Amino acid sequence: MAASVGPALPGEPGPIRVNMAKWRRALPDDAWPEGFPESGVVWRRDVFAVAESWRSEVATPRQLLAAALMWGYGLNGYGPWRAVKALNGDQHGERLTRALDGLRADHPTLEDSRAAFRSFRDAKVSRLPWLGPAFFTKVVYFAGYRRDGHEIQPLILDRVVAGRLPVEAGVRRRWGGWRSDEWIAYLQWAAERAAAAKVEPDAVEMALFRGDSLSS
């Protein structure tokens, strides 16, 4: 049984619990990320490990998507069903490759992140069934985030985070359907907050998700 990479990243409140047996039964064999913890205890570092394997062309983009969705859905009962629908929309990983390949570089740019976001929203490029911004930003985060890297990093934007953002963060829609300009404005706002607090940008996202102030 594979062990979780752990420990927590700064600001990470704890691991996500996952029913691995249920996900094993649901996911296609080729989408299962090799070495993913089978204990049902998944940390962000576990998904980042799959992303690193993807950047090294060891893991496939379908395996990266599956890892991000297992972490994102956790014990949510419809998670495996939705994940399979998304995977079935890209059985050879071509749409995922088009969206994510710009994030393979050592230091992806803000424009690389913007391009990935736009690709996932475009039905002619990389849009997948049941993979809206709340979940494809998770995939982009794990694929494109570089710790101690450049100032502005891709971050997760879901309903919890959006609902707790201040007006000045630039996210107008609170409950979904976010556009790339809103996401980029949020990334820029988070980078400024992170720089002021001397923390990583994803610590800002984690604090929002927890409903805490950044200093707590």
N, C-alpha and C. Protein backbone atom coordinates (compact mmCIF):
# COMPACT_ATOMS: atom_id res chain seq x y z
N MET A 1 0.85 -1.19 0.00
CA MET A 1 0.00 0.00 0.00
C MET A 1 0.88 1.24 0.00
N ALA A 2 0.61 2.15 -0.95
CA ALA A 2 1.42 3.35 -1.06
C ALA A 2 1.14 4.30 0.10
N ALA A 3 2.17 4.96 0.56
CA ALA A 3 2.03 5.90 1.66
C ALA A 3 1.81 7.29 1.13
N SER A 4 1.11 8.12 1.93
CA SER A 4 0.93 9.51 1.56
C SER A 4 2.26 10.23 1.61
N VAL A 5 2.45 11.17 0.67
CA VAL A 5 3.69 11.93 0.66
C VAL A 5 3.76 12.82 1.88
N GLY A 6 2.68 13.64 2.14
CA GLY A 6 2.66 14.50 3.32
C GLY A 6 4.02 15.14 3.59
N PRO A 7 4.19 15.93 4.60
CA PRO A 7 3.15 16.44 5.48
C PRO A 7 2.41 17.60 4.84
N ALA A 8 1.65 18.30 5.66
CA ALA A 8 0.85 19.41 5.15
C ALA A 8 1.72 20.52 4.59
N LEU A 9 1.23 21.17 3.55
CA LEU A 9 1.83 22.40 3.08
C LEU A 9 1.46 23.52 4.05
N PRO A 10 2.24 24.60 4.09
CA PRO A 10 1.90 25.71 4.98
C PRO A 10 0.48 26.22 4.73
N GLY A 11 -0.33 26.20 5.76
CA GLY A 11 -1.70 26.64 5.65
C GLY A 11 -2.70 25.54 5.33
N GLU A 12 -2.23 24.35 4.99
CA GLU A 12 -3.15 23.26 4.64
C GLU A 12 -3.79 22.72 5.92
N PRO A 13 -5.12 22.74 5.99
CA PRO A 13 -5.78 22.36 7.23
C PRO A 13 -5.71 20.88 7.56
N GLY A 14 -5.51 20.05 6.58
CA GLY A 14 -5.45 18.61 6.83
C GLY A 14 -5.61 17.85 5.54
N PRO A 15 -5.54 16.52 5.59
CA PRO A 15 -5.70 15.72 4.38
C PRO A 15 -7.16 15.60 3.98
N ILE A 16 -7.37 15.16 2.76
CA ILE A 16 -8.70 14.84 2.26
C ILE A 16 -8.89 13.33 2.37
N ARG A 17 -10.05 12.93 2.87
CA ARG A 17 -10.37 11.50 2.95
C ARG A 17 -11.02 11.05 1.66
N VAL A 18 -10.56 9.93 1.15
CA VAL A 18 -11.03 9.42 -0.14
C VAL A 18 -11.34 7.93 0.00
N ASN A 19 -12.49 7.52 -0.54
CA ASN A 19 -12.84 6.10 -0.58
C ASN A 19 -12.13 5.47 -1.77
N MET A 20 -10.91 4.99 -1.54
CA MET A 20 -10.09 4.50 -2.64
C MET A 20 -10.69 3.28 -3.32
N ALA A 21 -11.35 2.42 -2.58
CA ALA A 21 -11.96 1.24 -3.20
C ALA A 21 -13.02 1.65 -4.20
N LYS A 22 -13.83 2.63 -3.86
CA LYS A 22 -14.88 3.10 -4.76
C LYS A 22 -14.28 3.74 -6.00
N TRP A 23 -13.23 4.54 -5.83
CA TRP A 23 -12.58 5.16 -6.98
C TRP A 23 -11.87 4.13 -7.84
N ARG A 24 -11.27 3.13 -7.23
CA ARG A 24 -10.60 2.06 -7.99
C ARG A 24 -11.59 1.35 -8.90
N ARG A 25 -12.77 1.08 -8.38
CA ARG A 25 -13.79 0.39 -9.17
C ARG A 25 -14.29 1.26 -10.32
N ALA A 26 -14.33 2.57 -10.11
CA ALA A 26 -14.93 3.47 -11.09
C ALA A 26 -13.97 3.88 -12.20
N LEU A 27 -12.71 4.18 -11.85
CA LEU A 27 -11.80 4.77 -12.81
C LEU A 27 -11.27 3.73 -13.81
N PRO A 28 -11.08 4.14 -15.07
CA PRO A 28 -10.39 3.26 -16.02
C PRO A 28 -8.98 2.96 -15.51
N ASP A 29 -8.49 1.77 -15.80
CA ASP A 29 -7.18 1.36 -15.31
C ASP A 29 -6.07 2.33 -15.72
N ASP A 30 -6.15 2.85 -16.94
CA ASP A 30 -5.08 3.73 -17.41
C ASP A 30 -5.06 5.08 -16.72
N ALA A 31 -6.16 5.44 -16.05
CA ALA A 31 -6.24 6.74 -15.40
C ALA A 31 -5.79 6.70 -13.94
N TRP A 32 -5.56 5.51 -13.40
CA TRP A 32 -5.16 5.44 -11.99
C TRP A 32 -3.72 5.91 -11.85
N PRO A 33 -3.48 6.93 -11.00
CA PRO A 33 -2.11 7.45 -10.85
C PRO A 33 -1.23 6.49 -10.05
N GLU A 34 -0.16 6.02 -10.67
CA GLU A 34 0.74 5.07 -10.02
C GLU A 34 1.34 5.68 -8.76
N GLY A 35 1.34 4.91 -7.67
CA GLY A 35 1.92 5.37 -6.42
C GLY A 35 1.01 6.26 -5.59
N PHE A 36 -0.21 6.51 -6.07
CA PHE A 36 -1.13 7.35 -5.30
C PHE A 36 -1.50 6.63 -4.02
N PRO A 37 -1.60 7.35 -2.89
CA PRO A 37 -1.83 6.67 -1.61
C PRO A 37 -3.15 5.91 -1.59
N GLU A 38 -3.08 4.65 -1.22
CA GLU A 38 -4.27 3.81 -1.16
C GLU A 38 -4.88 3.79 0.24
N SER A 39 -4.31 4.57 1.14
CA SER A 39 -4.81 4.61 2.52
C SER A 39 -6.10 5.39 2.65
N GLY A 40 -6.44 6.19 1.62
CA GLY A 40 -7.61 7.05 1.73
C GLY A 40 -7.30 8.38 2.38
N VAL A 41 -6.04 8.66 2.64
CA VAL A 41 -5.60 9.93 3.24
C VAL A 41 -4.74 10.63 2.20
N VAL A 42 -5.25 11.72 1.64
CA VAL A 42 -4.58 12.38 0.52
C VAL A 42 -4.29 13.84 0.87
N TRP A 43 -3.02 14.20 0.74
CA TRP A 43 -2.58 15.57 0.95
C TRP A 43 -2.34 16.22 -0.41
N ARG A 44 -2.24 17.54 -0.40
CA ARG A 44 -1.92 18.25 -1.64
C ARG A 44 -0.59 17.76 -2.22
N ARG A 45 0.37 17.47 -1.36
CA ARG A 45 1.66 17.02 -1.86
C ARG A 45 1.54 15.71 -2.65
N ASP A 46 0.56 14.90 -2.32
CA ASP A 46 0.36 13.66 -3.08
C ASP A 46 -0.04 13.95 -4.51
N VAL A 47 -0.89 14.95 -4.69
CA VAL A 47 -1.31 15.32 -6.04
C VAL A 47 -0.16 16.04 -6.76
N PHE A 48 0.57 16.87 -6.03
CA PHE A 48 1.74 17.52 -6.64
C PHE A 48 2.77 16.48 -7.10
N ALA A 49 2.87 15.37 -6.40
CA ALA A 49 3.80 14.32 -6.82
C ALA A 49 3.39 13.73 -8.16
N VAL A 50 2.08 13.57 -8.38
CA VAL A 50 1.60 13.10 -9.68
C VAL A 50 1.87 14.16 -10.75
N ALA A 51 1.68 15.42 -10.39
CA ALA A 51 1.96 16.51 -11.34
C ALA A 51 3.43 16.53 -11.74
N GLU A 52 4.30 16.28 -10.79
CA GLU A 52 5.73 16.24 -11.11
C GLU A 52 6.03 15.08 -12.04
N SER A 53 5.39 13.94 -11.82
CA SER A 53 5.57 12.80 -12.74
C SER A 53 5.03 13.12 -14.12
N TRP A 54 3.93 13.87 -14.17
CA TRP A 54 3.39 14.28 -15.46
C TRP A 54 4.36 15.21 -16.19
N ARG A 55 4.97 16.16 -15.47
CA ARG A 55 5.92 17.07 -16.11
C ARG A 55 7.13 16.31 -16.63
N SER A 56 7.47 15.21 -15.96
CA SER A 56 8.59 14.38 -16.40
C SER A 56 8.17 13.36 -17.46
N GLU A 57 6.90 13.43 -17.88
CA GLU A 57 6.34 12.53 -18.89
C GLU A 57 6.34 11.07 -18.43
N VAL A 58 6.23 10.89 -17.13
CA VAL A 58 6.06 9.54 -16.57
C VAL A 58 4.57 9.27 -16.38
N ALA A 59 3.86 10.18 -15.72
CA ALA A 59 2.41 10.09 -15.58
C ALA A 59 1.74 10.74 -16.79
N THR A 60 0.53 10.30 -17.08
CA THR A 60 -0.24 10.87 -18.19
C THR A 60 -1.13 12.00 -17.68
N PRO A 61 -1.62 12.84 -18.60
CA PRO A 61 -2.55 13.88 -18.15
C PRO A 61 -3.84 13.31 -17.59
N ARG A 62 -4.25 12.14 -18.04
CA ARG A 62 -5.45 11.50 -17.47
C ARG A 62 -5.20 11.10 -16.02
N GLN A 63 -4.01 10.64 -15.71
CA GLN A 63 -3.68 10.30 -14.32
C GLN A 63 -3.63 11.55 -13.44
N LEU A 64 -3.12 12.64 -13.99
CA LEU A 64 -3.11 13.89 -13.23
C LEU A 64 -4.53 14.37 -12.97
N LEU A 65 -5.37 14.31 -13.99
CA LEU A 65 -6.77 14.70 -13.80
C LEU A 65 -7.43 13.84 -12.72
N ALA A 66 -7.22 12.53 -12.79
CA ALA A 66 -7.83 11.64 -11.80
C ALA A 66 -7.36 11.96 -10.39
N ALA A 67 -6.06 12.21 -10.22
CA ALA A 67 -5.53 12.53 -8.89
C ALA A 67 -6.14 13.81 -8.36
N ALA A 68 -6.22 14.85 -9.21
CA ALA A 68 -6.79 16.12 -8.78
C ALA A 68 -8.26 15.97 -8.41
N LEU A 69 -8.99 15.16 -9.17
CA LEU A 69 -10.41 14.99 -8.88
C LEU A 69 -10.65 14.14 -7.65
N MET A 70 -9.84 13.13 -7.41
CA MET A 70 -9.98 12.36 -6.16
C MET A 70 -9.77 13.26 -4.96
N TRP A 71 -8.73 14.08 -5.01
CA TRP A 71 -8.48 15.03 -3.92
C TRP A 71 -9.62 16.05 -3.84
N GLY A 72 -10.09 16.53 -4.99
CA GLY A 72 -11.10 17.57 -4.99
C GLY A 72 -12.46 17.10 -4.51
N TYR A 73 -12.86 15.90 -4.90
CA TYR A 73 -14.17 15.39 -4.51
C TYR A 73 -14.15 14.71 -3.15
N GLY A 74 -13.04 14.11 -2.77
CA GLY A 74 -12.98 13.44 -1.48
C GLY A 74 -14.03 12.36 -1.37
N LEU A 75 -14.82 12.41 -0.32
CA LEU A 75 -15.84 11.40 -0.06
C LEU A 75 -17.17 11.73 -0.71
N ASN A 76 -17.23 12.77 -1.52
CA ASN A 76 -18.47 13.13 -2.20
C ASN A 76 -18.93 11.96 -3.08
N GLY A 77 -20.14 11.52 -2.88
CA GLY A 77 -20.63 10.31 -3.52
C GLY A 77 -20.67 10.35 -5.02
N TYR A 78 -20.93 11.51 -5.62
CA TYR A 78 -21.01 11.57 -7.08
C TYR A 78 -19.66 11.88 -7.73
N GLY A 79 -18.61 12.03 -6.93
CA GLY A 79 -17.30 12.35 -7.49
C GLY A 79 -16.80 11.36 -8.52
N PRO A 80 -16.79 10.06 -8.22
CA PRO A 80 -16.30 9.10 -9.22
C PRO A 80 -17.09 9.12 -10.52
N TRP A 81 -18.41 9.27 -10.41
CA TRP A 81 -19.25 9.31 -11.61
C TRP A 81 -18.88 10.49 -12.49
N ARG A 82 -18.74 11.67 -11.88
CA ARG A 82 -18.38 12.86 -12.65
C ARG A 82 -16.97 12.74 -13.23
N ALA A 83 -16.06 12.18 -12.45
CA ALA A 83 -14.70 12.02 -12.95
C ALA A 83 -14.66 11.11 -14.17
N VAL A 84 -15.41 10.02 -14.14
CA VAL A 84 -15.45 9.10 -15.28
C VAL A 84 -16.05 9.79 -16.50
N LYS A 85 -17.09 10.61 -16.29
CA LYS A 85 -17.66 11.36 -17.41
C LYS A 85 -16.62 12.26 -18.05
N ALA A 86 -15.83 12.96 -17.21
CA ALA A 86 -14.78 13.84 -17.74
C ALA A 86 -13.73 13.03 -18.49
N LEU A 87 -13.29 11.93 -17.90
CA LEU A 87 -12.27 11.10 -18.55
C LEU A 87 -12.77 10.50 -19.85
N ASN A 88 -14.04 10.12 -19.89
CA ASN A 88 -14.60 9.54 -21.12
C ASN A 88 -14.69 10.58 -22.24
N GLY A 89 -14.67 11.85 -21.87
CA GLY A 89 -14.68 12.90 -22.87
C GLY A 89 -13.32 13.14 -23.49
N ASP A 90 -12.30 12.42 -23.01
CA ASP A 90 -10.94 12.61 -23.54
C ASP A 90 -10.18 11.30 -23.33
N GLN A 91 -10.59 10.27 -24.05
CA GLN A 91 -10.08 8.93 -23.78
C GLN A 91 -8.60 8.75 -24.07
N HIS A 92 -8.03 9.62 -24.89
CA HIS A 92 -6.61 9.52 -25.20
C HIS A 92 -5.80 10.67 -24.61
N GLY A 93 -6.44 11.54 -23.83
CA GLY A 93 -5.74 12.63 -23.17
C GLY A 93 -5.33 13.77 -24.08
N GLU A 94 -5.87 13.82 -25.29
CA GLU A 94 -5.45 14.85 -26.23
C GLU A 94 -5.94 16.24 -25.83
N ARG A 95 -7.17 16.31 -25.33
CA ARG A 95 -7.71 17.61 -24.93
C ARG A 95 -6.99 18.13 -23.67
N LEU A 96 -6.70 17.23 -22.76
CA LEU A 96 -5.94 17.61 -21.57
C LEU A 96 -4.54 18.08 -21.95
N THR A 97 -3.93 17.40 -22.88
CA THR A 97 -2.59 17.79 -23.32
C THR A 97 -2.60 19.19 -23.90
N ARG A 98 -3.61 19.50 -24.73
CA ARG A 98 -3.68 20.84 -25.31
C ARG A 98 -3.82 21.91 -24.22
N ALA A 99 -4.58 21.60 -23.18
CA ALA A 99 -4.80 22.58 -22.12
C ALA A 99 -3.58 22.76 -21.23
N LEU A 100 -2.86 21.68 -20.96
CA LEU A 100 -1.87 21.69 -19.90
C LEU A 100 -0.42 21.78 -20.35
N ASP A 101 -0.14 21.51 -21.60
CA ASP A 101 1.27 21.41 -22.01
C ASP A 101 2.06 22.69 -21.78
N GLY A 102 1.40 23.83 -21.84
CA GLY A 102 2.10 25.08 -21.57
C GLY A 102 2.56 25.24 -20.14
N LEU A 103 2.07 24.36 -19.26
CA LEU A 103 2.43 24.42 -17.83
C LEU A 103 3.56 23.47 -17.47
N ARG A 104 4.14 22.80 -18.45
CA ARG A 104 5.23 21.86 -18.17
C ARG A 104 6.55 22.57 -17.85
N ALA A 105 6.71 23.79 -18.28
CA ALA A 105 7.99 24.50 -18.14
C ALA A 105 8.37 24.67 -16.68
N ASP A 106 9.65 24.95 -16.46
CA ASP A 106 10.12 25.17 -15.09
C ASP A 106 9.44 26.36 -14.45
N HIS A 107 9.16 27.39 -15.25
CA HIS A 107 8.53 28.61 -14.73
C HIS A 107 7.43 29.05 -15.68
N PRO A 108 6.26 28.41 -15.61
CA PRO A 108 5.16 28.84 -16.46
C PRO A 108 4.80 30.31 -16.19
N THR A 109 4.41 31.01 -17.23
CA THR A 109 4.05 32.41 -17.08
C THR A 109 2.57 32.55 -16.76
N LEU A 110 2.18 33.78 -16.41
CA LEU A 110 0.77 34.06 -16.18
C LEU A 110 -0.03 33.80 -17.44
N GLU A 111 0.55 34.09 -18.60
CA GLU A 111 -0.15 33.84 -19.86
C GLU A 111 -0.32 32.35 -20.11
N ASP A 112 0.62 31.52 -19.66
CA ASP A 112 0.46 30.07 -19.77
C ASP A 112 -0.74 29.61 -18.95
N SER A 113 -0.88 30.17 -17.75
CA SER A 113 -2.02 29.82 -16.90
C SER A 113 -3.32 30.29 -17.53
N ARG A 114 -3.32 31.51 -18.05
CA ARG A 114 -4.52 32.04 -18.70
C ARG A 114 -4.92 31.16 -19.89
N ALA A 115 -3.93 30.73 -20.67
CA ALA A 115 -4.21 29.89 -21.83
C ALA A 115 -4.83 28.56 -21.41
N ALA A 116 -4.35 27.97 -20.31
CA ALA A 116 -4.92 26.72 -19.82
C ALA A 116 -6.37 26.92 -19.40
N PHE A 117 -6.63 28.00 -18.67
CA PHE A 117 -8.00 28.29 -18.23
C PHE A 117 -8.92 28.43 -19.43
N ARG A 118 -8.50 29.22 -20.42
CA ARG A 118 -9.34 29.44 -21.59
C ARG A 118 -9.55 28.15 -22.38
N SER A 119 -8.53 27.31 -22.45
CA SER A 119 -8.68 26.04 -23.15
C SER A 119 -9.75 25.17 -22.52
N PHE A 120 -9.75 25.10 -21.19
CA PHE A 120 -10.73 24.27 -20.50
C PHE A 120 -12.15 24.81 -20.64
N ARG A 121 -12.30 26.09 -20.95
CA ARG A 121 -13.63 26.65 -21.14
C ARG A 121 -14.12 26.52 -22.58
N ASP A 122 -13.24 26.19 -23.50
CA ASP A 122 -13.56 26.19 -24.93
C ASP A 122 -13.92 24.79 -25.40
N ALA A 123 -15.14 24.61 -25.85
CA ALA A 123 -15.60 23.29 -26.30
C ALA A 123 -14.82 22.79 -27.50
N LYS A 124 -14.25 23.68 -28.28
CA LYS A 124 -13.48 23.28 -29.45
C LYS A 124 -12.05 22.90 -29.11
N VAL A 125 -11.63 23.17 -27.88
CA VAL A 125 -10.24 22.92 -27.51
C VAL A 125 -10.14 21.84 -26.44
N SER A 126 -10.57 22.15 -25.21
CA SER A 126 -10.30 21.21 -24.12
C SER A 126 -11.44 21.05 -23.11
N ARG A 127 -12.58 21.64 -23.38
CA ARG A 127 -13.67 21.48 -22.40
C ARG A 127 -14.05 20.00 -22.28
N LEU A 128 -14.28 19.57 -21.04
CA LEU A 128 -14.66 18.19 -20.76
C LEU A 128 -15.95 18.15 -19.97
N PRO A 129 -16.74 17.08 -20.11
CA PRO A 129 -17.98 16.97 -19.36
C PRO A 129 -17.74 17.03 -17.84
N TRP A 130 -18.57 17.75 -17.15
CA TRP A 130 -18.55 17.83 -15.70
C TRP A 130 -17.21 18.36 -15.16
N LEU A 131 -16.52 19.15 -15.96
CA LEU A 131 -15.26 19.74 -15.50
C LEU A 131 -15.34 21.25 -15.70
N GLY A 132 -16.03 21.90 -14.75
CA GLY A 132 -16.13 23.35 -14.79
C GLY A 132 -14.96 24.01 -14.09
N PRO A 133 -14.97 25.35 -13.99
CA PRO A 133 -13.84 26.08 -13.41
C PRO A 133 -13.48 25.65 -11.99
N ALA A 134 -14.46 25.28 -11.17
CA ALA A 134 -14.15 24.89 -9.79
C ALA A 134 -13.22 23.69 -9.73
N PHE A 135 -13.30 22.84 -10.76
CA PHE A 135 -12.44 21.65 -10.76
C PHE A 135 -11.30 21.75 -11.75
N PHE A 136 -11.49 22.41 -12.89
CA PHE A 136 -10.31 22.50 -13.77
C PHE A 136 -9.27 23.47 -13.22
N THR A 137 -9.68 24.43 -12.36
CA THR A 137 -8.63 25.25 -11.73
C THR A 137 -7.82 24.44 -10.73
N LYS A 138 -8.39 23.38 -10.19
CA LYS A 138 -7.61 22.47 -9.35
C LYS A 138 -6.53 21.78 -10.19
N VAL A 139 -6.91 21.32 -11.38
CA VAL A 139 -5.94 20.66 -12.25
C VAL A 139 -4.84 21.64 -12.66
N VAL A 140 -5.23 22.86 -13.05
CA VAL A 140 -4.26 23.87 -13.46
C VAL A 140 -3.35 24.25 -12.29
N TYR A 141 -3.91 24.34 -11.09
CA TYR A 141 -3.10 24.62 -9.90
C TYR A 141 -2.00 23.58 -9.71
N PHE A 142 -2.38 22.33 -9.71
CA PHE A 142 -1.38 21.28 -9.49
C PHE A 142 -0.38 21.18 -10.64
N ALA A 143 -0.84 21.42 -11.85
CA ALA A 143 0.06 21.33 -13.01
C ALA A 143 1.01 22.51 -13.10
N GLY A 144 0.54 23.70 -12.72
CA GLY A 144 1.30 24.90 -12.99
C GLY A 144 1.93 25.62 -11.82
N TYR A 145 1.57 25.25 -10.59
CA TYR A 145 2.11 25.96 -9.43
C TYR A 145 3.57 25.59 -9.22
N ARG A 146 4.39 26.62 -8.96
CA ARG A 146 5.80 26.41 -8.64
C ARG A 146 6.11 27.09 -7.32
N ARG A 147 6.34 26.27 -6.31
CA ARG A 147 6.61 26.81 -4.97
C ARG A 147 7.94 27.56 -4.99
N ASP A 148 7.95 28.74 -4.35
CA ASP A 148 9.13 29.61 -4.36
C ASP A 148 9.49 30.02 -5.79
N GLY A 149 8.49 30.08 -6.64
CA GLY A 149 8.73 30.45 -8.03
C GLY A 149 8.39 31.90 -8.30
N HIS A 150 7.84 32.15 -9.48
CA HIS A 150 7.48 33.52 -9.84
C HIS A 150 6.33 34.01 -8.97
N GLU A 151 6.08 35.29 -9.03
CA GLU A 151 5.18 35.93 -8.07
C GLU A 151 3.73 35.48 -8.20
N ILE A 152 3.20 35.44 -9.42
CA ILE A 152 1.79 35.13 -9.62
C ILE A 152 1.65 33.66 -10.01
N GLN A 153 0.87 32.92 -9.22
CA GLN A 153 0.74 31.48 -9.41
C GLN A 153 -0.71 31.10 -9.68
N PRO A 154 -0.97 30.02 -10.43
CA PRO A 154 -2.34 29.55 -10.60
C PRO A 154 -2.89 29.01 -9.29
N LEU A 155 -4.13 29.33 -9.02
CA LEU A 155 -4.77 28.93 -7.76
C LEU A 155 -6.16 28.37 -8.02
N ILE A 156 -6.67 27.65 -7.05
CA ILE A 156 -8.01 27.08 -7.11
C ILE A 156 -9.05 28.17 -6.88
N LEU A 157 -10.08 28.17 -7.72
CA LEU A 157 -11.22 29.06 -7.52
C LEU A 157 -12.48 28.21 -7.55
N ASP A 158 -13.08 28.02 -6.39
CA ASP A 158 -14.34 27.30 -6.31
C ASP A 158 -15.36 28.19 -5.60
N ARG A 159 -16.54 27.65 -5.35
CA ARG A 159 -17.60 28.48 -4.77
C ARG A 159 -17.27 28.95 -3.36
N VAL A 160 -16.59 28.12 -2.60
CA VAL A 160 -16.24 28.52 -1.23
C VAL A 160 -15.27 29.70 -1.28
N VAL A 161 -14.22 29.57 -2.07
CA VAL A 161 -13.23 30.64 -2.18
C VAL A 161 -13.85 31.90 -2.76
N ALA A 162 -14.61 31.75 -3.85
CA ALA A 162 -15.22 32.92 -4.49
C ALA A 162 -16.16 33.65 -3.55
N GLY A 163 -16.89 32.89 -2.75
CA GLY A 163 -17.85 33.50 -1.84
C GLY A 163 -17.20 34.28 -0.72
N ARG A 164 -15.91 34.08 -0.49
CA ARG A 164 -15.21 34.77 0.60
C ARG A 164 -14.23 35.83 0.11
N LEU A 165 -14.16 36.00 -1.21
CA LEU A 165 -13.26 37.01 -1.75
C LEU A 165 -13.84 38.40 -1.59
N PRO A 166 -13.01 39.38 -1.27
CA PRO A 166 -13.49 40.76 -1.22
C PRO A 166 -13.73 41.31 -2.62
N VAL A 167 -14.46 42.38 -2.72
CA VAL A 167 -14.78 42.96 -4.02
C VAL A 167 -13.52 43.30 -4.80
N GLU A 168 -12.49 43.78 -4.09
CA GLU A 168 -11.28 44.21 -4.78
C GLU A 168 -10.51 43.06 -5.43
N ALA A 169 -10.88 41.81 -5.13
CA ALA A 169 -10.22 40.68 -5.77
C ALA A 169 -10.66 40.50 -7.22
N GLY A 170 -11.73 41.16 -7.62
CA GLY A 170 -12.12 41.18 -9.02
C GLY A 170 -12.98 40.05 -9.50
N VAL A 171 -13.48 39.20 -8.60
CA VAL A 171 -14.36 38.09 -9.00
C VAL A 171 -15.80 38.55 -8.83
N ARG A 172 -16.48 38.77 -9.95
CA ARG A 172 -17.83 39.32 -9.91
C ARG A 172 -18.88 38.23 -9.68
N ARG A 173 -18.67 37.08 -10.28
CA ARG A 173 -19.63 35.99 -10.12
C ARG A 173 -19.25 35.18 -8.88
N ARG A 174 -20.16 35.02 -7.98
CA ARG A 174 -19.84 34.35 -6.72
C ARG A 174 -20.03 32.85 -6.76
N TRP A 175 -20.86 32.35 -7.67
CA TRP A 175 -21.26 30.95 -7.55
C TRP A 175 -20.93 30.11 -8.76
N GLY A 176 -20.02 30.57 -9.60
CA GLY A 176 -19.60 29.73 -10.72
C GLY A 176 -19.58 30.49 -12.03
N GLY A 177 -19.16 29.79 -13.09
CA GLY A 177 -19.13 30.38 -14.40
C GLY A 177 -18.07 31.46 -14.58
N TRP A 178 -17.00 31.39 -13.79
CA TRP A 178 -16.01 32.46 -13.82
C TRP A 178 -15.29 32.51 -15.16
N ARG A 179 -14.96 33.74 -15.57
CA ARG A 179 -14.22 33.98 -16.80
C ARG A 179 -12.74 34.12 -16.48
N SER A 180 -11.93 34.04 -17.53
CA SER A 180 -10.48 34.10 -17.31
C SER A 180 -10.04 35.43 -16.69
N ASP A 181 -10.72 36.54 -17.05
CA ASP A 181 -10.30 37.82 -16.48
C ASP A 181 -10.55 37.87 -14.98
N GLU A 182 -11.63 37.24 -14.52
CA GLU A 182 -11.90 37.19 -13.09
C GLU A 182 -10.85 36.34 -12.37
N TRP A 183 -10.53 35.20 -12.96
CA TRP A 183 -9.53 34.31 -12.35
C TRP A 183 -8.18 35.00 -12.27
N ILE A 184 -7.76 35.66 -13.36
CA ILE A 184 -6.48 36.35 -13.36
C ILE A 184 -6.46 37.47 -12.33
N ALA A 185 -7.56 38.21 -12.21
CA ALA A 185 -7.63 39.28 -11.20
C ALA A 185 -7.46 38.70 -9.80
N TYR A 186 -8.08 37.57 -9.55
CA TYR A 186 -7.94 36.88 -8.26
C TYR A 186 -6.51 36.44 -8.02
N LEU A 187 -5.84 35.89 -9.05
CA LEU A 187 -4.44 35.48 -8.89
C LEU A 187 -3.55 36.67 -8.56
N GLN A 188 -3.80 37.79 -9.21
CA GLN A 188 -3.00 38.99 -8.96
C GLN A 188 -3.24 39.51 -7.55
N TRP A 189 -4.50 39.52 -7.13
CA TRP A 189 -4.84 39.96 -5.77
C TRP A 189 -4.19 39.04 -4.75
N ALA A 190 -4.27 37.72 -4.96
CA ALA A 190 -3.69 36.76 -4.02
C ALA A 190 -2.18 36.92 -3.95
N ALA A 191 -1.54 37.18 -5.09
CA ALA A 191 -0.09 37.37 -5.10
C ALA A 191 0.30 38.59 -4.27
N GLU A 192 -0.48 39.65 -4.36
CA GLU A 192 -0.20 40.85 -3.55
C GLU A 192 -0.38 40.56 -2.07
N ARG A 193 -1.43 39.86 -1.72
CA ARG A 193 -1.66 39.49 -0.32
C ARG A 193 -0.54 38.60 0.20
N ALA A 194 -0.13 37.63 -0.62
CA ALA A 194 0.93 36.71 -0.22
C ALA A 194 2.24 37.44 -0.01
N ALA A 195 2.57 38.36 -0.91
CA ALA A 195 3.81 39.11 -0.78
C ALA A 195 3.81 39.95 0.49
N ALA A 196 2.67 40.55 0.80
CA ALA A 196 2.58 41.39 2.00
C ALA A 196 2.73 40.56 3.27
N ALA A 197 2.20 39.33 3.23
CA ALA A 197 2.25 38.45 4.41
C ALA A 197 3.48 37.55 4.42
N LYS A 198 4.26 37.59 3.33
CA LYS A 198 5.46 36.76 3.19
C LYS A 198 5.13 35.27 3.28
N VAL A 199 4.10 34.90 2.52
CA VAL A 199 3.69 33.49 2.45
C VAL A 199 3.54 33.12 0.98
N GLU A 200 3.34 31.85 0.72
CA GLU A 200 3.07 31.38 -0.63
C GLU A 200 1.67 31.80 -1.06
N PRO A 201 1.45 32.05 -2.36
CA PRO A 201 0.11 32.43 -2.81
C PRO A 201 -0.97 31.41 -2.46
N ASP A 202 -0.65 30.12 -2.48
CA ASP A 202 -1.72 29.17 -2.16
C ASP A 202 -2.10 29.19 -0.69
N ALA A 203 -1.27 29.78 0.16
CA ALA A 203 -1.68 29.97 1.56
C ALA A 203 -2.85 30.94 1.64
N VAL A 204 -2.92 31.88 0.71
CA VAL A 204 -4.05 32.81 0.66
C VAL A 204 -5.32 32.05 0.30
N GLU A 205 -5.23 31.20 -0.73
CA GLU A 205 -6.40 30.38 -1.11
C GLU A 205 -6.84 29.48 0.03
N MET A 206 -5.89 28.85 0.72
CA MET A 206 -6.24 27.96 1.82
C MET A 206 -6.92 28.71 2.96
N ALA A 207 -6.44 29.92 3.25
CA ALA A 207 -7.05 30.73 4.31
C ALA A 207 -8.49 31.09 3.93
N LEU A 208 -8.70 31.43 2.66
CA LEU A 208 -10.05 31.73 2.20
C LEU A 208 -10.95 30.50 2.36
N PHE A 209 -10.45 29.35 1.96
CA PHE A 209 -11.24 28.13 2.05
C PHE A 209 -11.62 27.81 3.49
N ARG A 210 -10.66 28.02 4.40
CA ARG A 210 -10.93 27.76 5.82
C ARG A 210 -11.85 28.80 6.43
N GLY A 211 -11.92 29.96 5.79
CA GLY A 211 -12.71 31.06 6.37
C GLY A 211 -11.93 31.80 7.42
N ASP A 212 -10.60 31.74 7.36
CA ASP A 212 -9.73 32.38 8.34
C ASP A 212 -9.08 33.61 7.73
N SER A 213 -8.61 34.49 8.60
CA SER A 213 -7.76 35.56 8.12
C SER A 213 -6.40 34.96 7.82
N LEU A 214 -5.64 35.61 6.96
CA LEU A 214 -4.36 35.08 6.53
C LEU A 214 -3.39 34.95 7.68
N SER A 215 -3.52 35.78 8.67
CA SER A 215 -2.58 35.78 9.79
C SER A 215 -2.89 34.72 10.83
N SER A 216 -4.06 34.07 10.72
CA SER A 216 -4.44 33.10 11.76
C SER A 216 -3.81 31.75 11.53
